[in-house]
N, C-alpha and C. Protein backbone atom coordinates (compact mmCIF):
# COMPACT_ATOMS: atom_id res chain seq x y z
N TRP A 1 11.73 2.39 20.96
CA TRP A 1 11.55 3.71 19.67
C TRP A 1 10.14 4.27 20.05
N LYS A 2 9.99 5.66 20.20
CA LYS A 2 8.91 6.36 20.55
C LYS A 2 8.71 6.59 18.96
N ALA A 3 7.48 6.03 18.68
CA ALA A 3 7.03 6.17 17.15
C ALA A 3 5.50 6.81 16.70
N LEU A 4 5.34 7.40 15.77
CA LEU A 4 3.96 8.11 15.14
C LEU A 4 3.72 7.36 14.28
N PHE A 5 2.63 7.08 14.07
CA PHE A 5 2.04 6.31 12.96
C PHE A 5 0.81 7.31 12.33
N PHE A 6 0.79 7.85 10.80
CA PHE A 6 -0.03 8.64 10.34
C PHE A 6 -0.96 7.67 9.64
N ASP A 7 -2.26 7.47 10.22
CA ASP A 7 -3.21 6.26 9.33
C ASP A 7 -4.46 7.62 8.80
N PHE A 8 -4.17 8.01 7.52
CA PHE A 8 -5.22 9.05 7.01
C PHE A 8 -5.18 8.35 5.95
N HIS A 9 -6.34 8.63 5.25
CA HIS A 9 -7.22 8.40 3.66
C HIS A 9 -7.94 9.40 3.21
N THR A 10 -7.58 10.16 2.37
CA THR A 10 -7.96 11.15 2.12
C THR A 10 -8.91 10.99 0.67
N MET A 11 -9.99 11.49 0.51
CA MET A 11 -10.72 10.71 -0.46
C MET A 11 -10.26 12.06 -1.75
N PRO A 12 -10.34 11.30 -3.07
CA PRO A 12 -10.01 11.80 -3.93
C PRO A 12 -10.26 13.76 -4.49
N ALA A 13 -11.53 13.73 -4.04
CA ALA A 13 -12.38 14.79 -4.31
C ALA A 13 -11.72 16.10 -2.99
N ASN A 14 -10.86 15.51 -2.13
CA ASN A 14 -10.20 16.59 -1.24
C ASN A 14 -9.00 17.59 -2.05
N PRO A 15 -10.08 18.93 -1.87
CA PRO A 15 -9.18 20.25 -2.78
C PRO A 15 -7.93 20.71 -2.11
N ASP A 16 -7.67 20.35 -0.78
CA ASP A 16 -6.18 21.04 -0.29
C ASP A 16 -5.24 19.83 0.16
N VAL A 17 -5.08 19.04 -0.23
CA VAL A 17 -4.29 17.93 0.55
C VAL A 17 -3.01 18.44 0.37
N GLY A 18 -2.16 18.51 1.75
CA GLY A 18 -0.88 19.20 2.09
C GLY A 18 -0.98 20.71 1.79
N LYS A 19 -1.83 21.03 1.42
CA LYS A 19 -1.57 22.81 1.07
C LYS A 19 -0.62 23.67 1.83
N GLU A 20 -1.20 23.39 2.85
CA GLU A 20 -0.60 24.44 3.91
C GLU A 20 0.67 23.44 5.00
N PHE A 21 0.81 22.33 4.78
CA PHE A 21 2.10 21.78 5.29
C PHE A 21 3.21 22.56 5.80
N ASP A 22 3.72 22.83 6.54
CA ASP A 22 5.19 23.32 7.19
C ASP A 22 5.81 22.62 7.54
N MET A 23 6.62 21.74 7.03
CA MET A 23 7.43 20.49 7.29
C MET A 23 8.31 20.67 8.45
N LYS A 24 8.93 22.01 8.67
CA LYS A 24 9.68 22.37 9.87
C LYS A 24 9.00 22.33 10.82
N ALA A 25 7.78 23.14 10.84
CA ALA A 25 7.02 23.06 12.11
C ALA A 25 6.48 21.98 12.69
N ILE A 26 6.11 21.07 11.33
CA ILE A 26 5.56 19.23 11.86
C ILE A 26 6.48 18.96 12.51
N VAL A 27 7.82 18.57 11.90
CA VAL A 27 9.06 17.77 12.58
C VAL A 27 9.67 18.73 14.07
N ASP A 28 9.31 19.96 14.07
CA ASP A 28 9.44 20.29 15.46
C ASP A 28 8.64 19.76 16.48
N GLN A 29 7.48 19.49 16.21
CA GLN A 29 6.71 18.72 17.05
C GLN A 29 7.09 17.04 17.17
N PHE A 30 7.62 16.70 16.34
CA PHE A 30 8.07 15.44 16.22
C PHE A 30 9.14 15.31 17.34
N GLU A 31 9.95 16.12 17.03
CA GLU A 31 11.25 16.21 18.40
C GLU A 31 10.68 16.62 19.67
N ARG A 32 9.66 17.40 19.73
CA ARG A 32 9.16 17.80 20.76
C ARG A 32 8.66 16.51 21.99
N ILE A 33 8.15 15.74 21.00
CA ILE A 33 7.43 14.60 21.95
C ILE A 33 8.68 13.67 22.00
N GLY A 34 9.63 13.67 21.31
CA GLY A 34 10.41 12.71 21.31
C GLY A 34 10.13 11.23 20.35
N ALA A 35 9.93 11.78 19.38
CA ALA A 35 9.20 10.91 18.34
C ALA A 35 11.02 10.44 17.73
N GLU A 36 10.80 9.26 17.44
CA GLU A 36 12.43 8.40 16.87
C GLU A 36 11.91 7.80 15.28
N PHE A 37 10.94 7.84 15.41
CA PHE A 37 10.26 6.78 14.16
C PHE A 37 8.87 7.28 13.58
N VAL A 38 8.73 7.64 12.30
CA VAL A 38 7.26 8.02 11.83
C VAL A 38 6.95 7.21 10.54
N VAL A 39 5.76 7.00 10.45
CA VAL A 39 5.19 5.84 9.35
C VAL A 39 4.31 7.45 8.74
N PHE A 40 4.41 7.52 7.61
CA PHE A 40 3.59 8.29 7.16
C PHE A 40 3.18 7.96 5.15
N PRO A 41 1.99 7.95 5.19
CA PRO A 41 1.55 7.53 4.00
C PRO A 41 1.97 7.83 2.57
N ALA A 42 2.74 6.79 1.48
CA ALA A 42 2.79 6.76 0.69
C ALA A 42 1.65 6.74 -0.58
N ARG A 43 0.96 5.93 -0.22
CA ARG A 43 -0.60 5.54 -0.76
C ARG A 43 -1.32 4.93 0.09
N CYS A 44 -2.33 5.75 0.37
CA CYS A 44 -3.50 5.12 1.47
C CYS A 44 -4.31 4.26 0.43
N ASN A 45 -5.36 3.54 1.44
CA ASN A 45 -6.64 2.58 0.69
C ASN A 45 -7.24 3.25 -0.53
N LEU A 46 -7.55 4.57 -0.51
CA LEU A 46 -8.26 5.23 -1.44
C LEU A 46 -7.58 4.90 -2.87
N GLY A 47 -6.23 4.45 -2.88
CA GLY A 47 -5.79 4.25 -4.13
C GLY A 47 -4.96 5.42 -4.47
N THR A 48 -4.66 6.74 -3.83
CA THR A 48 -3.98 7.67 -4.51
C THR A 48 -2.45 7.97 -3.57
N ALA A 49 -1.68 8.36 -4.36
CA ALA A 49 -0.29 8.64 -3.78
C ALA A 49 0.03 10.14 -3.35
N TYR A 50 0.84 10.24 -2.15
CA TYR A 50 1.19 11.20 -1.53
C TYR A 50 2.47 11.71 -1.90
N TYR A 51 2.99 11.45 -2.96
CA TYR A 51 4.78 11.86 -3.55
C TYR A 51 4.32 11.39 -4.96
N TYR A 52 5.29 12.36 -5.80
CA TYR A 52 5.21 12.50 -7.33
C TYR A 52 5.84 10.80 -7.71
N THR A 53 4.48 10.14 -7.80
CA THR A 53 4.99 8.83 -8.42
C THR A 53 4.82 8.75 -9.95
N ASP A 54 5.64 7.78 -10.67
CA ASP A 54 5.07 7.60 -12.38
C ASP A 54 4.62 6.57 -12.39
N ILE A 55 4.30 5.98 -11.20
CA ILE A 55 3.62 4.53 -11.31
C ILE A 55 2.17 4.39 -10.77
N GLY A 56 2.13 5.19 -9.59
CA GLY A 56 0.39 4.92 -9.20
C GLY A 56 -0.15 6.33 -9.78
N ILE A 57 -1.17 6.52 -9.03
CA ILE A 57 -2.04 7.71 -9.19
C ILE A 57 -1.97 9.03 -8.30
N ARG A 58 -1.26 9.87 -8.55
CA ARG A 58 -1.02 10.97 -7.51
C ARG A 58 -2.43 11.72 -7.37
N HIS A 59 -2.59 11.99 -6.08
CA HIS A 59 -3.74 12.79 -5.44
C HIS A 59 -4.06 13.78 -6.39
N ALA A 60 -5.22 14.21 -6.99
CA ALA A 60 -5.50 15.01 -8.12
C ALA A 60 -5.54 16.49 -7.44
N ALA A 61 -5.31 16.81 -6.08
CA ALA A 61 -5.29 17.92 -5.62
C ALA A 61 -3.84 18.45 -5.13
N MET A 62 -2.64 17.53 -5.23
CA MET A 62 -1.69 17.54 -4.48
C MET A 62 -0.49 18.27 -5.24
N GLU A 63 0.07 19.56 -4.83
CA GLU A 63 0.77 19.88 -5.93
C GLU A 63 2.30 19.92 -5.37
N ARG A 64 2.48 19.11 -4.06
CA ARG A 64 3.87 18.77 -3.39
C ARG A 64 4.11 17.81 -2.88
N ASP A 65 5.62 17.04 -3.32
CA ASP A 65 5.98 15.98 -3.04
C ASP A 65 6.18 15.92 -1.83
N LEU A 66 4.74 15.11 -1.10
CA LEU A 66 4.52 15.70 0.41
C LEU A 66 5.38 14.39 1.19
N LEU A 67 5.87 13.16 0.71
CA LEU A 67 6.45 12.19 1.56
C LEU A 67 7.91 12.59 1.31
N LYS A 68 8.47 12.91 0.17
CA LYS A 68 10.00 13.26 0.18
C LYS A 68 10.07 14.21 0.79
N GLU A 69 9.51 15.69 0.84
CA GLU A 69 9.58 16.61 1.82
C GLU A 69 9.65 16.46 3.09
N LEU A 70 8.74 15.54 3.69
CA LEU A 70 8.74 15.35 5.12
C LEU A 70 9.97 14.70 5.29
N THR A 71 10.29 13.61 4.59
CA THR A 71 11.41 12.86 4.60
C THR A 71 12.56 13.22 4.77
N GLU A 72 12.89 14.34 4.02
CA GLU A 72 14.24 15.28 3.87
C GLU A 72 14.33 16.18 5.34
N GLU A 73 13.08 16.53 5.78
CA GLU A 73 12.94 17.02 7.36
C GLU A 73 13.60 16.27 8.41
N CYS A 74 12.44 14.99 8.35
CA CYS A 74 12.95 14.49 9.50
C CYS A 74 14.25 13.80 9.47
N HIS A 75 15.25 13.63 8.52
CA HIS A 75 16.47 13.13 8.08
C HIS A 75 17.40 14.11 8.66
N LYS A 76 16.84 15.44 8.91
CA LYS A 76 17.92 16.35 8.93
C LYS A 76 18.06 16.29 10.76
N ARG A 77 16.74 15.86 11.19
CA ARG A 77 16.57 15.90 12.77
C ARG A 77 16.89 14.33 13.18
N ASN A 78 17.59 13.47 12.05
CA ASN A 78 18.13 12.20 12.89
C ASN A 78 16.84 11.17 13.26
N ILE A 79 15.65 11.44 12.80
CA ILE A 79 14.20 10.67 12.55
C ILE A 79 13.91 9.71 11.53
N LEU A 80 13.78 8.66 11.91
CA LEU A 80 13.43 7.59 10.61
C LEU A 80 12.23 7.95 10.26
N ILE A 81 11.63 7.51 8.86
CA ILE A 81 10.71 7.53 8.71
C ILE A 81 10.44 6.33 7.55
N SER A 82 9.08 5.94 7.63
CA SER A 82 8.87 4.91 6.58
C SER A 82 7.69 5.31 5.80
N ALA A 83 7.82 4.61 4.57
CA ALA A 83 6.51 4.77 3.91
C ALA A 83 5.31 3.79 3.82
N TYR A 84 4.15 4.26 4.17
CA TYR A 84 2.73 3.30 4.42
C TYR A 84 2.08 2.91 2.86
N ILE A 85 2.10 2.16 2.81
CA ILE A 85 0.99 1.37 1.51
C ILE A 85 0.38 0.47 1.85
N ASN A 86 -0.99 0.80 1.35
CA ASN A 86 -2.07 -0.26 1.68
C ASN A 86 -1.58 -1.00 0.37
N ALA A 87 -2.08 -2.52 0.88
CA ALA A 87 -1.75 -3.31 0.00
C ALA A 87 -3.13 -4.25 -0.90
N GLY A 88 -3.77 -4.71 0.02
CA GLY A 88 -5.11 -5.29 -0.36
C GLY A 88 -6.10 -4.35 -0.68
N LEU A 89 -6.07 -2.97 -0.38
CA LEU A 89 -7.04 -2.06 -0.85
C LEU A 89 -6.13 -0.89 -1.44
N SER A 90 -7.16 -0.15 -3.05
CA SER A 90 -6.21 0.54 -3.55
C SER A 90 -7.84 0.96 -4.49
N HIS A 91 -8.76 1.84 -3.84
CA HIS A 91 -10.00 2.01 -4.48
C HIS A 91 -9.74 2.59 -5.90
N GLU A 92 -8.89 3.60 -5.64
CA GLU A 92 -9.17 4.66 -7.11
C GLU A 92 -8.32 3.32 -8.04
N GLU A 93 -7.59 2.68 -8.16
CA GLU A 93 -6.92 1.78 -8.87
C GLU A 93 -7.90 0.69 -8.96
N GLY A 94 -8.53 0.14 -8.39
CA GLY A 94 -9.48 -0.62 -8.43
C GLY A 94 -10.52 -0.20 -9.61
N LEU A 95 -10.93 0.88 -9.12
CA LEU A 95 -11.86 1.47 -10.03
C LEU A 95 -11.66 1.79 -11.39
N GLN A 96 -10.21 1.82 -11.58
CA GLN A 96 -9.90 2.33 -12.96
C GLN A 96 -8.78 0.84 -13.67
N LYS A 97 -8.98 -0.13 -12.91
CA LYS A 97 -8.35 -1.25 -13.34
C LYS A 97 -9.22 -2.40 -12.63
N ARG A 98 -10.47 -2.58 -13.54
CA ARG A 98 -11.30 -3.57 -12.77
C ARG A 98 -10.84 -5.09 -12.63
N GLU A 99 -9.93 -5.48 -13.45
CA GLU A 99 -9.07 -6.54 -13.67
C GLU A 99 -8.45 -6.82 -12.81
N TRP A 100 -7.87 -5.90 -11.84
CA TRP A 100 -7.07 -6.11 -10.84
C TRP A 100 -7.62 -6.70 -9.70
N GLN A 101 -9.06 -6.29 -9.28
CA GLN A 101 -9.56 -6.68 -7.99
C GLN A 101 -10.01 -8.31 -7.83
N VAL A 102 -10.16 -8.71 -6.78
CA VAL A 102 -10.57 -9.58 -6.18
C VAL A 102 -12.02 -10.33 -7.05
N LEU A 103 -12.11 -11.29 -7.40
CA LEU A 103 -13.32 -11.83 -7.77
C LEU A 103 -13.49 -12.79 -6.67
N ARG A 104 -14.81 -12.40 -6.23
CA ARG A 104 -15.27 -12.87 -5.17
C ARG A 104 -15.93 -14.51 -5.24
N LYS A 105 -16.48 -15.33 -4.32
CA LYS A 105 -16.62 -16.86 -4.66
C LYS A 105 -18.14 -16.86 -4.93
N ASP A 106 -18.66 -15.63 -4.71
CA ASP A 106 -20.16 -15.34 -5.13
C ASP A 106 -20.06 -14.61 -6.76
N GLY A 107 -19.24 -14.46 -7.01
CA GLY A 107 -19.04 -13.86 -8.40
C GLY A 107 -19.20 -12.52 -8.57
N ARG A 108 -18.87 -11.51 -7.35
CA ARG A 108 -18.98 -10.45 -7.34
C ARG A 108 -17.28 -9.56 -7.37
N THR A 109 -17.02 -8.36 -7.74
CA THR A 109 -15.94 -7.80 -7.52
C THR A 109 -16.39 -7.28 -6.49
N TYR A 110 -17.33 -6.35 -6.13
CA TYR A 110 -17.60 -5.16 -5.40
C TYR A 110 -18.57 -5.93 -3.85
N GLY A 111 -17.93 -5.45 -2.70
CA GLY A 111 -18.66 -5.62 -1.36
C GLY A 111 -20.43 -5.12 -1.64
N SER A 112 -21.05 -5.71 -0.92
CA SER A 112 -22.36 -5.07 -0.89
C SER A 112 -22.20 -4.01 0.19
N ASP A 113 -21.51 -3.51 0.83
CA ASP A 113 -21.54 -2.20 1.41
C ASP A 113 -20.33 -1.57 0.95
N PRO A 114 -21.25 -0.47 0.30
CA PRO A 114 -20.02 1.01 -0.87
C PRO A 114 -19.48 1.58 0.44
N MET A 115 -19.73 1.74 1.32
CA MET A 115 -19.12 2.33 2.64
C MET A 115 -18.25 1.67 3.50
N ASN A 116 -18.20 0.43 3.23
CA ASN A 116 -16.88 -0.25 3.91
C ASN A 116 -15.76 -0.18 3.42
N ASN A 117 -14.63 -0.32 4.34
CA ASN A 117 -13.46 0.20 3.63
C ASN A 117 -12.77 -0.62 2.72
N PHE A 118 -13.30 -2.27 3.08
CA PHE A 118 -13.09 -3.10 1.98
C PHE A 118 -14.07 -3.72 1.37
N PHE A 119 -14.69 -2.81 0.45
CA PHE A 119 -15.55 -2.64 -0.63
C PHE A 119 -15.17 -3.14 -1.69
N ARG A 120 -13.88 -2.97 -2.20
CA ARG A 120 -12.99 -3.39 -3.07
C ARG A 120 -11.86 -3.82 -2.80
N GLN A 121 -11.31 -5.24 -3.04
CA GLN A 121 -10.20 -5.71 -2.90
C GLN A 121 -8.87 -6.01 -3.93
N MET A 122 -7.75 -5.91 -3.77
CA MET A 122 -6.99 -6.05 -4.71
C MET A 122 -6.25 -7.70 -4.51
N CYS A 123 -6.28 -8.17 -6.10
CA CYS A 123 -5.94 -9.41 -5.95
C CYS A 123 -4.24 -9.78 -6.38
N TYR A 124 -3.66 -10.29 -5.86
CA TYR A 124 -2.04 -10.42 -5.91
C TYR A 124 -1.71 -11.15 -6.97
N ASP A 125 -2.57 -11.90 -7.35
CA ASP A 125 -2.14 -12.89 -8.57
C ASP A 125 -2.52 -12.42 -10.24
N THR A 126 -3.02 -10.94 -10.46
CA THR A 126 -3.26 -10.28 -11.42
C THR A 126 -1.87 -9.18 -11.78
N GLU A 127 -2.18 -8.53 -12.74
CA GLU A 127 -1.07 -7.67 -12.75
C GLU A 127 -0.49 -6.67 -11.46
N TYR A 128 -1.65 -6.39 -10.48
CA TYR A 128 -1.62 -5.48 -9.47
C TYR A 128 -0.60 -6.06 -8.77
N GLY A 129 -0.38 -7.21 -8.60
CA GLY A 129 0.74 -8.22 -7.96
C GLY A 129 2.12 -7.06 -8.26
N ASP A 130 2.44 -7.00 -9.52
CA ASP A 130 3.77 -6.26 -9.87
C ASP A 130 3.73 -5.05 -9.96
N HIS A 131 2.76 -4.30 -9.99
CA HIS A 131 2.33 -2.96 -9.68
C HIS A 131 2.88 -2.69 -8.31
N LEU A 132 2.36 -3.70 -7.36
CA LEU A 132 2.41 -3.11 -5.89
C LEU A 132 3.74 -3.04 -5.55
N VAL A 133 4.56 -4.14 -5.76
CA VAL A 133 5.88 -4.31 -5.68
C VAL A 133 6.62 -3.23 -6.12
N ASN A 134 6.48 -2.59 -7.59
CA ASN A 134 6.97 -1.77 -7.98
C ASN A 134 6.87 -0.36 -7.53
N MET A 135 5.62 -0.16 -7.01
CA MET A 135 5.32 1.36 -6.36
C MET A 135 6.11 1.38 -5.04
N ALA A 136 6.02 0.12 -4.60
CA ALA A 136 7.02 0.12 -2.87
C ALA A 136 8.42 0.59 -3.27
N VAL A 137 8.92 -0.21 -4.37
CA VAL A 137 10.49 0.06 -4.81
C VAL A 137 10.38 1.70 -4.81
N GLU A 138 9.42 2.30 -5.96
CA GLU A 138 9.59 3.77 -6.15
C GLU A 138 9.69 4.28 -4.86
N ALA A 139 8.74 4.09 -4.02
CA ALA A 139 8.03 4.89 -2.79
C ALA A 139 9.34 5.05 -2.33
N VAL A 140 10.50 3.99 -2.14
CA VAL A 140 11.68 3.95 -1.21
C VAL A 140 12.77 4.67 -1.84
N GLN A 141 12.84 4.73 -3.37
CA GLN A 141 14.04 5.09 -4.12
C GLN A 141 13.40 6.85 -3.96
N HIS A 142 12.26 7.01 -4.18
CA HIS A 142 11.78 8.47 -4.79
C HIS A 142 11.96 9.43 -4.03
N CYS A 143 11.32 8.82 -2.47
CA CYS A 143 11.41 9.56 -1.28
C CYS A 143 12.89 9.62 -0.44
N GLY A 144 13.33 8.31 -0.62
CA GLY A 144 14.43 8.18 0.40
C GLY A 144 14.11 7.63 1.87
N VAL A 145 12.97 7.34 2.02
CA VAL A 145 12.45 6.64 2.87
C VAL A 145 13.32 5.75 3.60
N ASP A 146 13.25 5.43 5.07
CA ASP A 146 14.32 4.38 5.67
C ASP A 146 13.78 2.84 5.64
N GLY A 147 12.21 2.84 5.40
CA GLY A 147 11.77 1.48 4.98
C GLY A 147 10.42 1.55 4.31
N ILE A 148 9.66 0.53 4.63
CA ILE A 148 8.21 0.23 4.08
C ILE A 148 7.41 -0.31 5.14
N PHE A 149 6.09 0.23 5.22
CA PHE A 149 4.80 -0.23 6.13
C PHE A 149 3.94 -0.76 5.31
N ILE A 150 3.80 -2.02 5.02
CA ILE A 150 2.63 -2.66 4.16
C ILE A 150 1.30 -3.13 5.14
N ASP A 151 0.09 -2.21 4.98
CA ASP A 151 -1.09 -2.66 5.48
C ASP A 151 -1.76 -3.42 4.70
N CYS A 152 -3.07 -4.27 5.41
CA CYS A 152 -3.96 -4.93 4.92
C CYS A 152 -3.72 -5.75 3.84
N LEU A 153 -2.86 -6.77 3.86
CA LEU A 153 -2.29 -7.62 3.24
C LEU A 153 -3.44 -8.83 3.29
N GLN A 154 -3.72 -8.99 4.16
CA GLN A 154 -5.25 -9.97 4.03
C GLN A 154 -6.40 -9.91 2.80
N THR A 155 -6.72 -10.33 2.25
CA THR A 155 -7.76 -10.24 1.49
C THR A 155 -8.64 -11.57 1.38
N GLN A 156 -9.60 -11.34 0.97
CA GLN A 156 -10.45 -12.50 0.52
C GLN A 156 -10.28 -13.41 -0.65
N PRO A 157 -10.49 -14.79 -0.67
CA PRO A 157 -10.17 -15.60 -1.75
C PRO A 157 -10.66 -15.41 -3.47
N CYS A 158 -10.00 -15.42 -4.02
CA CYS A 158 -10.33 -14.93 -5.63
C CYS A 158 -10.55 -16.28 -6.27
N ILE A 159 -11.42 -15.99 -7.37
CA ILE A 159 -11.56 -16.96 -8.33
C ILE A 159 -11.56 -16.74 -9.53
N GLY A 160 -11.18 -15.23 -9.74
CA GLY A 160 -10.51 -14.85 -11.07
C GLY A 160 -9.54 -15.92 -11.82
N ILE A 161 -9.42 -15.47 -13.18
CA ILE A 161 -8.82 -16.36 -14.08
C ILE A 161 -7.65 -16.88 -13.54
N GLU A 162 -6.97 -15.82 -13.32
CA GLU A 162 -5.16 -16.06 -12.99
C GLU A 162 -5.22 -16.79 -11.60
N CYS A 163 -6.03 -16.61 -10.68
CA CYS A 163 -6.22 -17.57 -9.55
C CYS A 163 -6.65 -18.96 -9.70
N LEU A 164 -7.30 -19.05 -10.48
CA LEU A 164 -7.66 -20.29 -11.28
C LEU A 164 -6.60 -21.17 -11.89
N ASP A 165 -6.23 -20.27 -12.79
CA ASP A 165 -5.09 -21.00 -13.16
C ASP A 165 -4.07 -21.50 -12.37
N LYS A 166 -3.24 -20.36 -11.49
CA LYS A 166 -2.56 -20.79 -10.62
C LYS A 166 -3.12 -22.07 -9.63
N MET A 167 -4.23 -22.19 -9.25
CA MET A 167 -4.83 -23.08 -8.64
C MET A 167 -4.88 -24.45 -9.24
N ALA A 168 -5.12 -24.12 -10.69
CA ALA A 168 -4.93 -25.35 -11.26
C ALA A 168 -3.72 -26.36 -11.07
N LYS A 169 -2.72 -25.30 -11.39
CA LYS A 169 -1.35 -25.86 -11.69
C LYS A 169 -0.85 -26.64 -10.30
N GLU A 170 -1.32 -26.03 -9.19
CA GLU A 170 -1.17 -26.39 -7.83
C GLU A 170 -2.05 -27.69 -7.18
N GLY A 171 -2.96 -28.05 -8.43
CA GLY A 171 -3.71 -28.86 -7.84
C GLY A 171 -4.88 -28.70 -6.93
N VAL A 172 -5.07 -27.36 -6.82
CA VAL A 172 -5.99 -26.70 -5.51
C VAL A 172 -7.31 -27.04 -6.12
N ASP A 173 -8.33 -27.32 -5.47
CA ASP A 173 -9.96 -27.61 -5.68
C ASP A 173 -10.30 -26.48 -5.11
N TRP A 174 -10.31 -25.37 -6.08
CA TRP A 174 -11.26 -23.99 -5.54
C TRP A 174 -12.64 -24.31 -5.10
N LYS A 175 -13.10 -25.17 -5.39
CA LYS A 175 -14.64 -25.49 -4.68
C LYS A 175 -14.52 -26.02 -3.47
N ASP A 176 -13.33 -26.18 -2.76
CA ASP A 176 -13.64 -26.85 -1.31
C ASP A 176 -12.85 -25.70 -0.78
N GLU A 177 -13.61 -25.47 0.25
CA GLU A 177 -13.31 -23.96 0.94
C GLU A 177 -12.19 -24.05 1.47
N ASP A 178 -11.55 -25.25 2.38
CA ASP A 178 -10.51 -25.13 2.94
C ASP A 178 -9.32 -25.13 2.03
N GLU A 179 -9.16 -25.71 0.59
CA GLU A 179 -8.08 -25.69 -0.06
C GLU A 179 -8.24 -24.37 -0.46
N LEU A 180 -9.17 -23.37 -0.79
CA LEU A 180 -9.45 -22.23 -1.41
C LEU A 180 -8.73 -21.30 -0.28
N TYR A 181 -9.04 -21.54 0.94
CA TYR A 181 -8.69 -20.49 1.80
C TYR A 181 -7.07 -20.91 2.02
N ALA A 182 -6.37 -21.91 1.83
CA ALA A 182 -5.49 -22.29 2.32
C ALA A 182 -4.35 -21.78 0.96
N TYR A 183 -4.80 -21.81 0.00
CA TYR A 183 -4.31 -20.99 -1.44
C TYR A 183 -4.32 -19.65 -1.04
N ASN A 184 -5.34 -19.18 -0.51
CA ASN A 184 -5.05 -17.51 -0.48
C ASN A 184 -4.28 -17.04 0.69
N TYR A 185 -4.00 -18.02 1.27
CA TYR A 185 -3.01 -17.85 2.76
C TYR A 185 -1.61 -17.59 1.89
N ARG A 186 -1.20 -18.70 1.21
CA ARG A 186 0.19 -18.67 0.47
C ARG A 186 0.02 -17.34 -0.15
N LYS A 187 -1.05 -17.26 -0.76
CA LYS A 187 -0.62 -16.13 -1.96
C LYS A 187 -0.20 -14.97 -1.29
N ILE A 188 -1.08 -14.44 -0.05
CA ILE A 188 -0.82 -13.37 0.78
C ILE A 188 0.62 -13.36 1.06
N ILE A 189 1.34 -14.68 1.90
CA ILE A 189 2.69 -14.56 1.96
C ILE A 189 3.49 -14.56 0.89
N LYS A 190 3.28 -15.08 -0.11
CA LYS A 190 4.30 -14.68 -1.31
C LYS A 190 4.31 -13.41 -1.73
N MET A 191 2.75 -12.59 -2.11
CA MET A 191 3.23 -11.33 -1.89
C MET A 191 3.79 -10.39 -0.77
N ALA A 192 3.90 -10.79 0.22
CA ALA A 192 4.79 -9.95 1.26
C ALA A 192 6.62 -10.37 0.88
N LYS A 193 6.52 -11.55 0.84
CA LYS A 193 7.88 -12.09 0.41
C LYS A 193 8.58 -10.94 -0.95
N ARG A 194 7.84 -10.98 -1.80
CA ARG A 194 7.96 -10.29 -2.86
C ARG A 194 8.19 -8.97 -2.86
N ILE A 195 7.55 -8.10 -1.84
CA ILE A 195 7.94 -6.86 -1.58
C ILE A 195 9.30 -6.71 -0.69
N SER A 196 9.00 -7.47 0.36
CA SER A 196 10.36 -7.62 1.15
C SER A 196 11.64 -7.78 0.08
N GLU A 197 11.79 -8.79 -0.41
CA GLU A 197 12.99 -9.01 -1.60
C GLU A 197 13.18 -7.82 -2.22
N ALA A 198 12.17 -7.33 -3.03
CA ALA A 198 12.49 -6.43 -3.76
C ALA A 198 12.72 -5.13 -3.22
N ILE A 199 12.67 -4.67 -1.91
CA ILE A 199 12.75 -3.61 -1.20
C ILE A 199 14.27 -3.88 -0.89
N LYS A 200 14.78 -5.34 0.01
CA LYS A 200 16.23 -5.40 0.41
C LYS A 200 17.08 -5.36 -0.84
N LYS A 201 16.86 -5.51 -1.91
CA LYS A 201 17.44 -5.66 -2.97
C LYS A 201 18.37 -3.79 -3.70
N ILE A 202 17.37 -3.12 -3.12
CA ILE A 202 17.50 -1.50 -2.88
C ILE A 202 18.11 -1.06 -2.16
N LYS A 203 17.53 -1.43 -0.86
CA LYS A 203 18.06 -0.95 0.25
C LYS A 203 18.10 -2.24 1.51
N PRO A 204 18.94 -2.89 1.82
CA PRO A 204 19.24 -3.71 2.32
C PRO A 204 19.09 -3.82 3.95
N ASP A 205 19.23 -2.57 4.58
CA ASP A 205 18.60 -2.35 5.75
C ASP A 205 17.36 -1.57 5.84
N ALA A 206 16.70 -1.82 5.46
CA ALA A 206 15.28 -1.16 5.18
C ALA A 206 14.73 -1.68 6.25
N LEU A 207 13.72 -0.84 7.15
CA LEU A 207 12.85 -1.36 8.01
C LEU A 207 11.64 -1.96 7.33
N GLN A 208 11.12 -2.78 7.65
CA GLN A 208 10.05 -3.61 7.14
C GLN A 208 8.81 -4.16 8.31
N TYR A 209 7.72 -3.72 7.97
CA TYR A 209 6.60 -3.96 8.74
C TYR A 209 5.43 -4.32 8.34
């Protein structure tokens, strides 16, 4: 397949998100270059959504159902489209729900460099895990996309209370770095499987990346 991957992350203060998008003209360009598959954000790493979500945080400046509109135009031309969701990063949601963030081994929730993309990381053992699954399902159902693209699943180990409780039940010594990282790896794989299984229930033939 010839594919296009849109990897953009729009600051919450941006005043004109999608305001001048001409979906027909955009998809004309897709056809012109022979694109067969497109990935376009449902929610980027900044934590705001580009469709009319009832679960997440819609970008404050967005006045159009962007992903749904683009999906409808792509399908008129037989072009497949998947919804991009950043799993491990969701800065706006992390800002509003501090308890959803990874608690790092040094006791911090925020990284040392606030300009780094991974400044805030999300923990799948908190209620965020359910939120992420639900938002992925919502994006597929609401926008009618052909699949889902999950980015940045890898996050740092967490020693928040939810993770400590689960590690205790599994007999994991979180003070042992090898055990802590092994648990973190299992947590990430489990999250990926949860998303995949939820999507397959509503769209068995969904494209998943």
